């Protein structure tokens, strides 16, 4: 099992310590790139997949880098709806 497979498996298990950097790697693996969504977007971030014309938006966690479970659940649903994750 490769690093990407382990990261996907970890993401799907929705651990309480899944970080923003891990999520960024996961989304990059699926073809999403982080984009700027405004001059003063603050903690809001967006990841866009040009191939699928799909946008995922959420708030970057701070001060802790840990992503909230509710965001992991929403992102998983979106990835499943797009057929990226089975």
Protein backbone atom coordinates (compact mmCIF):
# COMPACT_ATOMS: atom_id res chain seq x y z
CA UNK A 1 0.00 0.00 0.00
CA UNK A 2 1.47 3.34 -1.07
CA UNK A 3 1.53 6.66 0.76
CA UNK A 4 -1.49 7.94 -1.16
CA UNK A 5 -3.53 4.85 -0.35
CA UNK A 6 -2.66 5.18 3.33
CA UNK A 7 -3.63 8.86 3.29
CA UNK A 8 -6.99 8.05 1.64
CA UNK A 9 -7.61 5.29 4.17
CA UNK A 10 -6.76 7.64 7.02
CA UNK A 11 -9.04 10.35 5.61
CA UNK A 12 -11.97 7.93 5.26
CA UNK A 13 -11.57 6.80 8.88
CA UNK A 14 -12.14 10.46 9.90
CA UNK A 15 -9.48 10.67 12.59
CA UNK A 16 -9.77 13.46 15.12
CA UNK A 17 -6.21 14.60 14.29
CA UNK A 18 -6.40 14.91 10.46
CA UNK A 19 -4.47 18.07 9.58
CA UNK A 20 -4.87 20.76 6.94
CA UNK A 21 -1.56 19.72 5.34
CA UNK A 22 -2.79 16.13 5.02
CA UNK A 23 -6.04 17.31 3.46
CA UNK A 24 -4.15 19.55 1.05
CA UNK A 25 -1.99 16.58 -0.05
CA UNK A 26 -5.09 14.43 -0.47
CA UNK A 27 -6.93 17.01 -2.57
CA UNK A 28 -3.81 17.66 -4.67
CA UNK A 29 -3.60 13.89 -5.30
CA UNK A 30 -7.17 14.01 -6.65
CA UNK A 31 -6.33 16.93 -8.96
CA UNK A 32 -7.52 19.84 -6.81
CA UNK A 33 -5.37 22.95 -6.55
CA UNK A 34 -5.66 25.59 -3.85
CA UNK A 35 -6.94 28.89 -5.25
CA UNK A 36 -7.34 32.39 -3.87
CA UNK A 37 -10.98 33.30 -3.34
CA UNK A 38 -10.69 36.98 -2.67
CA UNK A 39 -8.36 39.69 -1.53
CA UNK A 40 -9.38 39.31 2.11
CA UNK A 41 -10.54 35.72 2.23
CA UNK A 42 -9.16 35.30 5.74
CA UNK A 43 -9.30 31.67 6.79
CA UNK A 44 -11.52 30.63 3.89
CA UNK A 45 -9.80 28.37 1.39
CA UNK A 46 -10.92 26.80 -1.86
CA UNK A 47 -9.63 23.90 -3.91
CA UNK A 48 -10.54 23.69 -7.59
CA UNK A 49 -10.37 20.73 -9.92
CA UNK A 50 -10.24 22.11 -13.46
CA UNK A 51 -10.82 18.72 -15.10
CA UNK A 52 -14.12 18.18 -13.24
CA UNK A 53 -14.94 21.91 -12.86
CA UNK A 54 -15.45 21.29 -9.15
CA UNK A 55 -14.84 23.60 -6.20
CA UNK A 56 -14.43 22.61 -2.54
CA UNK A 57 -14.56 25.44 0.02
CA UNK A 58 -14.05 25.39 3.77
CA UNK A 59 -12.38 27.31 6.58
CA UNK A 60 -8.71 26.65 7.25
CA UNK A 61 -8.33 25.60 10.86
CA UNK A 62 -6.50 27.90 13.25
CA UNK A 63 -4.70 28.12 15.55
CA UNK A 64 -4.62 24.31 15.53
CA UNK A 65 -3.99 22.67 12.12
CA UNK A 66 -6.59 19.94 12.80
CA UNK A 67 -9.59 19.81 10.44
CA UNK A 68 -13.04 19.56 12.03
CA UNK A 69 -14.88 16.27 11.52
CA UNK A 70 -17.83 18.10 9.93
CA UNK A 71 -15.55 19.39 7.14
CA UNK A 72 -14.06 15.93 6.61
CA UNK A 73 -17.59 14.51 6.29
CA UNK A 74 -18.66 17.21 3.80
CA UNK A 75 -15.52 16.80 1.71
CA UNK A 76 -15.86 13.01 1.68
CA UNK A 77 -19.48 13.31 0.49
CA UNK A 78 -18.46 15.69 -2.28
CA UNK A 79 -15.58 13.41 -3.40
CA UNK A 80 -17.93 10.39 -3.40
CA UNK A 81 -20.60 12.31 -5.38
CA UNK A 82 -17.94 13.17 -7.99
CA UNK A 83 -16.78 9.54 -8.12
CA UNK A 84 -13.29 10.39 -6.94
CA UNK A 85 -13.58 8.22 -3.83
CA UNK A 86 -15.46 4.95 -3.89
